[in-house]
Amino acid sequence: MGHQIDWSATAAWIALAISIISPAITTILTNRHQLKLRELDIQEKHSSTYNAARASTIEDFISKVGKCISHPTTTACKECAESFFHIYAYTPQSLWPFLDDLNDKIESDDFTGARELFNGIAKSLACLLKGEPLILPSE
């Protein structure tokens, strides 16, 4: 006698297996998706924090340097010098020689030369804040 397959029992077992496996697969896929969303959220928060710090530092630099070269007082120049230590972290290396030159001019009390250079640097920094391509100041 041949062995007969009970198709109704087999179908029942297949349906049971699918009903057990399906939620597990759905849970795994959902968890992977949630993990990717969480990673994107963390990246966005980091980027947002960095951009806020960069904007604040650049605005502070422009304000303090502008104040120092337009009305040089001991206090204004001290605050200006402190702002130079922060600005380098948020500017491309191509701008650093101009910042160094500006700092040298301020330290040697060449405020006329510093004003001319600062105008170009301020425009470059404004481009950074707007997300536009950097335009280097003319020497």
N, C-alpha and C. Protein backbone atom coordinates (compact mmCIF):
# COMPACT_ATOMS: atom_id res chain seq x y z
N MET A 1 0.81 -1.16 0.00
CA MET A 1 0.00 0.00 0.00
C MET A 1 0.86 1.23 0.00
N GLY A 2 0.39 2.13 -0.74
CA GLY A 2 1.10 3.38 -0.86
C GLY A 2 0.79 4.29 0.32
N HIS A 3 1.75 5.08 0.61
CA HIS A 3 1.60 6.03 1.70
C HIS A 3 0.87 7.25 1.17
N GLN A 4 -0.23 7.57 1.79
CA GLN A 4 -1.02 8.72 1.34
C GLN A 4 -0.74 9.93 2.25
N ILE A 5 -0.68 11.08 1.61
CA ILE A 5 -0.43 12.32 2.35
C ILE A 5 -1.77 12.93 2.71
N ASP A 6 -1.88 13.31 3.95
CA ASP A 6 -3.09 13.98 4.40
C ASP A 6 -2.89 15.48 4.14
N TRP A 7 -3.39 15.96 3.04
CA TRP A 7 -3.17 17.34 2.62
C TRP A 7 -3.81 18.36 3.55
N SER A 8 -4.88 18.02 4.16
CA SER A 8 -5.51 18.98 5.08
C SER A 8 -4.64 19.16 6.33
N ALA A 9 -4.03 18.11 6.81
CA ALA A 9 -3.14 18.21 7.96
C ALA A 9 -1.87 18.97 7.58
N THR A 10 -1.35 18.69 6.39
CA THR A 10 -0.14 19.38 5.92
C THR A 10 -0.42 20.88 5.77
N ALA A 11 -1.56 21.21 5.20
CA ALA A 11 -1.92 22.62 5.04
C ALA A 11 -2.07 23.30 6.41
N ALA A 12 -2.59 22.58 7.37
CA ALA A 12 -2.75 23.13 8.71
C ALA A 12 -1.39 23.41 9.34
N TRP A 13 -0.45 22.47 9.17
CA TRP A 13 0.90 22.67 9.71
C TRP A 13 1.61 23.84 9.03
N ILE A 14 1.44 23.96 7.73
CA ILE A 14 2.06 25.08 6.99
C ILE A 14 1.46 26.40 7.47
N ALA A 15 0.17 26.46 7.64
CA ALA A 15 -0.49 27.67 8.12
C ALA A 15 -0.01 28.02 9.54
N LEU A 16 0.16 27.02 10.38
CA LEU A 16 0.66 27.24 11.74
C LEU A 16 2.09 27.80 11.71
N ALA A 17 2.94 27.23 10.85
CA ALA A 17 4.33 27.69 10.75
C ALA A 17 4.38 29.14 10.27
N ILE A 18 3.56 29.45 9.28
CA ILE A 18 3.53 30.82 8.76
C ILE A 18 3.03 31.79 9.83
N SER A 19 2.04 31.39 10.59
CA SER A 19 1.50 32.28 11.62
C SER A 19 2.51 32.50 12.75
N ILE A 20 3.43 31.58 12.95
CA ILE A 20 4.46 31.75 13.97
C ILE A 20 5.64 32.57 13.43
N ILE A 21 6.06 32.29 12.22
CA ILE A 21 7.25 32.94 11.63
C ILE A 21 6.95 34.37 11.19
N SER A 22 5.79 34.62 10.67
CA SER A 22 5.46 35.94 10.12
C SER A 22 5.61 37.08 11.13
N PRO A 23 5.09 36.99 12.34
CA PRO A 23 5.30 38.09 13.30
C PRO A 23 6.78 38.28 13.66
N ALA A 24 7.52 37.19 13.72
CA ALA A 24 8.95 37.30 14.03
C ALA A 24 9.68 38.08 12.93
N ILE A 25 9.40 37.75 11.70
CA ILE A 25 10.03 38.45 10.57
C ILE A 25 9.61 39.92 10.57
N THR A 26 8.34 40.18 10.81
CA THR A 26 7.84 41.55 10.85
C THR A 26 8.53 42.34 11.97
N THR A 27 8.70 41.73 13.12
CA THR A 27 9.36 42.38 14.24
C THR A 27 10.82 42.69 13.92
N ILE A 28 11.52 41.77 13.31
CA ILE A 28 12.92 41.98 12.94
C ILE A 28 13.04 43.13 11.95
N LEU A 29 12.19 43.12 10.92
CA LEU A 29 12.25 44.19 9.91
C LEU A 29 11.89 45.55 10.51
N THR A 30 10.91 45.57 11.39
CA THR A 30 10.51 46.82 12.04
C THR A 30 11.64 47.36 12.92
N ASN A 31 12.29 46.47 13.67
CA ASN A 31 13.40 46.89 14.53
C ASN A 31 14.57 47.44 13.70
N ARG A 32 14.87 46.82 12.59
CA ARG A 32 15.95 47.32 11.72
C ARG A 32 15.60 48.71 11.19
N HIS A 33 14.36 48.89 10.80
CA HIS A 33 13.92 50.18 10.28
C HIS A 33 14.00 51.25 11.38
N GLN A 34 13.54 50.91 12.58
CA GLN A 34 13.59 51.86 13.70
C GLN A 34 15.04 52.23 14.05
N LEU A 35 15.94 51.26 13.96
CA LEU A 35 17.36 51.52 14.23
C LEU A 35 17.94 52.50 13.21
N LYS A 36 17.59 52.31 11.94
CA LYS A 36 18.07 53.23 10.90
C LYS A 36 17.50 54.63 11.12
N LEU A 37 16.24 54.73 11.48
CA LEU A 37 15.64 56.04 11.77
C LEU A 37 16.31 56.71 12.96
N ARG A 38 16.64 55.94 13.98
CA ARG A 38 17.31 56.49 15.17
C ARG A 38 18.70 57.00 14.81
N GLU A 39 19.44 56.26 13.98
CA GLU A 39 20.77 56.69 13.55
C GLU A 39 20.68 57.99 12.76
N LEU A 40 19.68 58.10 11.89
CA LEU A 40 19.50 59.34 11.13
C LEU A 40 19.15 60.51 12.05
N ASP A 41 18.35 60.23 13.06
CA ASP A 41 17.98 61.28 14.02
C ASP A 41 19.21 61.77 14.79
N ILE A 42 20.06 60.85 15.20
CA ILE A 42 21.29 61.22 15.92
C ILE A 42 22.20 62.04 15.02
N GLN A 43 22.35 61.64 13.76
CA GLN A 43 23.17 62.40 12.82
C GLN A 43 22.62 63.81 12.62
N GLU A 44 21.31 63.93 12.51
CA GLU A 44 20.68 65.24 12.31
C GLU A 44 20.90 66.13 13.53
N LYS A 45 20.76 65.58 14.72
CA LYS A 45 20.98 66.37 15.94
C LYS A 45 22.43 66.82 16.05
N HIS A 46 23.36 65.93 15.70
CA HIS A 46 24.78 66.29 15.74
C HIS A 46 25.07 67.41 14.74
N SER A 47 24.54 67.27 13.55
CA SER A 47 24.74 68.29 12.52
C SER A 47 24.11 69.61 12.93
N SER A 48 22.94 69.56 13.51
CA SER A 48 22.26 70.77 13.95
C SER A 48 23.04 71.47 15.07
N THR A 49 23.56 70.70 16.00
CA THR A 49 24.36 71.26 17.09
C THR A 49 25.63 71.91 16.56
N TYR A 50 26.29 71.22 15.64
CA TYR A 50 27.52 71.75 15.04
C TYR A 50 27.23 73.05 14.29
N ASN A 51 26.18 73.06 13.49
CA ASN A 51 25.84 74.26 12.71
C ASN A 51 25.48 75.44 13.61
N ALA A 52 24.79 75.17 14.71
CA ALA A 52 24.46 76.25 15.65
C ALA A 52 25.72 76.80 16.32
N ALA A 53 26.62 75.91 16.70
CA ALA A 53 27.88 76.36 17.33
C ALA A 53 28.72 77.14 16.32
N ARG A 54 28.76 76.68 15.09
CA ARG A 54 29.53 77.36 14.05
C ARG A 54 28.97 78.76 13.81
N ALA A 55 27.65 78.87 13.68
CA ALA A 55 27.03 80.16 13.44
C ALA A 55 27.29 81.11 14.60
N SER A 56 27.15 80.62 15.81
CA SER A 56 27.39 81.44 16.99
C SER A 56 28.84 81.91 17.06
N THR A 57 29.77 81.02 16.78
CA THR A 57 31.20 81.36 16.84
C THR A 57 31.56 82.38 15.76
N ILE A 58 31.05 82.19 14.56
CA ILE A 58 31.35 83.13 13.47
C ILE A 58 30.75 84.50 13.77
N GLU A 59 29.50 84.53 14.22
CA GLU A 59 28.87 85.81 14.54
C GLU A 59 29.60 86.52 15.68
N ASP A 60 30.03 85.76 16.68
CA ASP A 60 30.78 86.31 17.80
C ASP A 60 32.12 86.88 17.32
N PHE A 61 32.78 86.14 16.44
CA PHE A 61 34.06 86.58 15.89
C PHE A 61 33.90 87.90 15.12
N ILE A 62 32.93 87.94 14.24
CA ILE A 62 32.70 89.16 13.44
C ILE A 62 32.41 90.34 14.35
N SER A 63 31.59 90.12 15.36
CA SER A 63 31.24 91.20 16.29
C SER A 63 32.45 91.70 17.07
N LYS A 64 33.20 90.78 17.65
CA LYS A 64 34.32 91.18 18.50
C LYS A 64 35.47 91.78 17.70
N VAL A 65 35.77 91.21 16.55
CA VAL A 65 36.85 91.77 15.73
C VAL A 65 36.43 93.13 15.18
N GLY A 66 35.20 93.22 14.72
CA GLY A 66 34.70 94.50 14.22
C GLY A 66 34.77 95.59 15.27
N LYS A 67 34.40 95.24 16.49
CA LYS A 67 34.45 96.22 17.58
C LYS A 67 35.89 96.63 17.88
N CYS A 68 36.79 95.66 17.86
CA CYS A 68 38.20 95.96 18.18
C CYS A 68 38.84 96.86 17.12
N ILE A 69 38.56 96.59 15.85
CA ILE A 69 39.25 97.39 14.82
C ILE A 69 38.57 98.73 14.58
N SER A 70 37.32 98.87 14.98
CA SER A 70 36.67 100.16 14.80
C SER A 70 36.84 101.06 16.02
N HIS A 71 36.87 100.48 17.21
CA HIS A 71 37.07 101.24 18.45
C HIS A 71 38.04 100.46 19.34
N PRO A 72 39.32 100.51 19.04
CA PRO A 72 40.28 99.68 19.78
C PRO A 72 40.45 100.12 21.24
N THR A 73 39.93 99.30 22.12
CA THR A 73 40.16 99.50 23.55
C THR A 73 40.83 98.22 24.06
N THR A 74 41.38 98.28 25.24
CA THR A 74 42.05 97.10 25.80
C THR A 74 41.07 95.93 25.93
N THR A 75 39.89 96.22 26.43
CA THR A 75 38.88 95.17 26.61
C THR A 75 38.44 94.59 25.27
N ALA A 76 38.16 95.46 24.31
CA ALA A 76 37.71 95.01 23.00
C ALA A 76 38.77 94.16 22.31
N CYS A 77 40.01 94.57 22.40
CA CYS A 77 41.09 93.81 21.76
C CYS A 77 41.36 92.49 22.47
N LYS A 78 41.15 92.45 23.79
CA LYS A 78 41.31 91.20 24.54
C LYS A 78 40.24 90.20 24.11
N GLU A 79 38.99 90.65 24.00
CA GLU A 79 37.89 89.78 23.55
C GLU A 79 38.12 89.33 22.12
N CYS A 80 38.66 90.23 21.30
CA CYS A 80 38.97 89.91 19.91
C CYS A 80 40.00 88.79 19.85
N ALA A 81 41.05 88.90 20.64
CA ALA A 81 42.11 87.89 20.66
C ALA A 81 41.55 86.53 21.09
N GLU A 82 40.66 86.53 22.06
CA GLU A 82 40.05 85.27 22.52
C GLU A 82 39.21 84.63 21.42
N SER A 83 38.54 85.44 20.62
CA SER A 83 37.68 84.89 19.57
C SER A 83 38.49 84.24 18.46
N PHE A 84 39.74 84.63 18.29
CA PHE A 84 40.58 84.00 17.27
C PHE A 84 40.83 82.53 17.59
N PHE A 85 40.87 82.16 18.85
CA PHE A 85 41.12 80.78 19.22
C PHE A 85 39.95 79.86 18.86
N HIS A 86 38.77 80.41 18.73
CA HIS A 86 37.59 79.61 18.44
C HIS A 86 37.28 79.51 16.95
N ILE A 87 37.61 80.53 16.20
CA ILE A 87 37.16 80.60 14.81
C ILE A 87 37.81 79.55 13.92
N TYR A 88 39.03 79.16 14.22
CA TYR A 88 39.74 78.21 13.37
C TYR A 88 39.03 76.86 13.28
N ALA A 89 38.33 76.46 14.33
CA ALA A 89 37.63 75.18 14.34
C ALA A 89 36.48 75.13 13.34
N TYR A 90 36.00 76.29 12.92
CA TYR A 90 34.81 76.33 12.07
C TYR A 90 35.08 76.93 10.69
N THR A 91 36.34 77.13 10.36
CA THR A 91 36.67 77.70 9.05
C THR A 91 37.58 76.76 8.29
N PRO A 92 37.49 76.75 6.98
CA PRO A 92 38.39 75.90 6.19
C PRO A 92 39.83 76.40 6.27
N GLN A 93 40.76 75.51 6.08
CA GLN A 93 42.17 75.85 6.18
C GLN A 93 42.58 76.91 5.16
N SER A 94 41.87 77.00 4.07
CA SER A 94 42.22 78.01 3.05
C SER A 94 42.04 79.43 3.58
N LEU A 95 41.25 79.60 4.61
CA LEU A 95 41.01 80.93 5.19
C LEU A 95 42.01 81.25 6.33
N TRP A 96 42.67 80.25 6.85
CA TRP A 96 43.56 80.44 7.99
C TRP A 96 44.68 81.46 7.76
N PRO A 97 45.35 81.47 6.61
CA PRO A 97 46.40 82.48 6.42
C PRO A 97 45.86 83.92 6.51
N PHE A 98 44.66 84.13 6.03
CA PHE A 98 44.04 85.45 6.10
C PHE A 98 43.72 85.82 7.55
N LEU A 99 43.24 84.83 8.31
CA LEU A 99 42.96 85.06 9.72
C LEU A 99 44.27 85.35 10.48
N ASP A 100 45.33 84.61 10.15
CA ASP A 100 46.63 84.86 10.78
C ASP A 100 47.10 86.28 10.46
N ASP A 101 46.97 86.68 9.21
CA ASP A 101 47.39 88.02 8.80
C ASP A 101 46.57 89.09 9.52
N LEU A 102 45.26 88.86 9.64
CA LEU A 102 44.40 89.80 10.35
C LEU A 102 44.84 89.92 11.81
N ASN A 103 45.10 88.80 12.45
CA ASN A 103 45.54 88.81 13.83
C ASN A 103 46.86 89.56 13.97
N ASP A 104 47.79 89.34 13.05
CA ASP A 104 49.07 90.06 13.09
C ASP A 104 48.87 91.56 12.96
N LYS A 105 47.98 91.97 12.06
CA LYS A 105 47.72 93.40 11.87
C LYS A 105 47.11 94.03 13.13
N ILE A 106 46.20 93.30 13.76
CA ILE A 106 45.58 93.82 14.98
C ILE A 106 46.62 93.92 16.10
N GLU A 107 47.44 92.89 16.24
CA GLU A 107 48.45 92.90 17.31
C GLU A 107 49.50 93.99 17.10
N SER A 108 49.75 94.35 15.84
CA SER A 108 50.74 95.41 15.58
C SER A 108 50.06 96.78 15.46
N ASP A 109 48.80 96.87 15.84
CA ASP A 109 48.02 98.12 15.83
C ASP A 109 47.88 98.74 14.43
N ASP A 110 47.90 97.89 13.40
CA ASP A 110 47.66 98.35 12.03
C ASP A 110 46.16 98.19 11.76
N PHE A 111 45.37 99.07 12.36
CA PHE A 111 43.92 98.93 12.28
C PHE A 111 43.37 99.29 10.91
N THR A 112 44.06 100.14 10.17
CA THR A 112 43.62 100.46 8.80
C THR A 112 43.75 99.22 7.92
N GLY A 113 44.90 98.58 7.97
CA GLY A 113 45.11 97.35 7.21
C GLY A 113 44.18 96.24 7.68
N ALA A 114 43.96 96.18 8.99
CA ALA A 114 43.08 95.17 9.55
C ALA A 114 41.64 95.35 9.06
N ARG A 115 41.18 96.62 8.98
CA ARG A 115 39.82 96.88 8.49
C ARG A 115 39.65 96.40 7.05
N GLU A 116 40.63 96.70 6.22
CA GLU A 116 40.55 96.28 4.81
C GLU A 116 40.50 94.77 4.69
N LEU A 117 41.35 94.08 5.42
CA LEU A 117 41.38 92.62 5.37
C LEU A 117 40.12 92.03 6.01
N PHE A 118 39.68 92.65 7.09
CA PHE A 118 38.49 92.14 7.79
C PHE A 118 37.25 92.20 6.91
N ASN A 119 37.12 93.21 6.08
CA ASN A 119 35.97 93.29 5.18
C ASN A 119 35.88 92.05 4.29
N GLY A 120 37.00 91.63 3.74
CA GLY A 120 37.01 90.42 2.91
C GLY A 120 36.75 89.16 3.71
N ILE A 121 37.35 89.08 4.90
CA ILE A 121 37.15 87.90 5.74
C ILE A 121 35.69 87.80 6.19
N ALA A 122 35.10 88.92 6.56
CA ALA A 122 33.69 88.92 7.00
C ALA A 122 32.78 88.41 5.87
N LYS A 123 33.09 88.80 4.63
CA LYS A 123 32.30 88.32 3.49
C LYS A 123 32.48 86.82 3.31
N SER A 124 33.70 86.34 3.48
CA SER A 124 33.96 84.89 3.38
C SER A 124 33.19 84.13 4.47
N LEU A 125 33.19 84.68 5.67
CA LEU A 125 32.48 84.03 6.77
C LEU A 125 30.97 84.05 6.53
N ALA A 126 30.47 85.12 5.92
CA ALA A 126 29.05 85.18 5.60
C ALA A 126 28.69 84.09 4.58
N CYS A 127 29.58 83.84 3.64
CA CYS A 127 29.35 82.75 2.67
C CYS A 127 29.26 81.41 3.39
N LEU A 128 30.12 81.19 4.38
CA LEU A 128 30.06 79.94 5.16
C LEU A 128 28.72 79.80 5.86
N LEU A 129 28.25 80.90 6.46
CA LEU A 129 26.97 80.85 7.17
C LEU A 129 25.80 80.56 6.23
N LYS A 130 25.87 81.07 5.03
CA LYS A 130 24.79 80.87 4.07
C LYS A 130 24.90 79.52 3.36
N GLY A 131 26.04 78.85 3.50
CA GLY A 131 26.24 77.58 2.80
C GLY A 131 26.64 77.78 1.36
N GLU A 132 27.09 78.97 1.03
CA GLU A 132 27.53 79.26 -0.33
C GLU A 132 29.01 78.93 -0.47
N PRO A 133 29.51 78.81 -1.70
CA PRO A 133 30.94 78.53 -1.88
C PRO A 133 31.77 79.67 -1.27
N LEU A 134 32.88 79.27 -0.67
CA LEU A 134 33.76 80.21 0.01
C LEU A 134 34.47 81.09 -1.00
N ILE A 135 34.42 82.40 -0.77
CA ILE A 135 35.15 83.36 -1.59
C ILE A 135 36.26 83.90 -0.70
N LEU A 136 37.51 83.64 -1.07
CA LEU A 136 38.64 84.08 -0.26
C LEU A 136 38.84 85.58 -0.45
N PRO A 137 39.24 86.26 0.62
CA PRO A 137 39.51 87.69 0.52
C PRO A 137 40.72 87.93 -0.39
N SER A 138 40.75 89.08 -1.03
CA SER A 138 41.91 89.41 -1.84
C SER A 138 43.00 89.94 -0.93
N GLU A 139 44.23 89.60 -1.28
CA GLU A 139 45.35 90.00 -0.41
C GLU A 139 45.79 91.39 -0.69
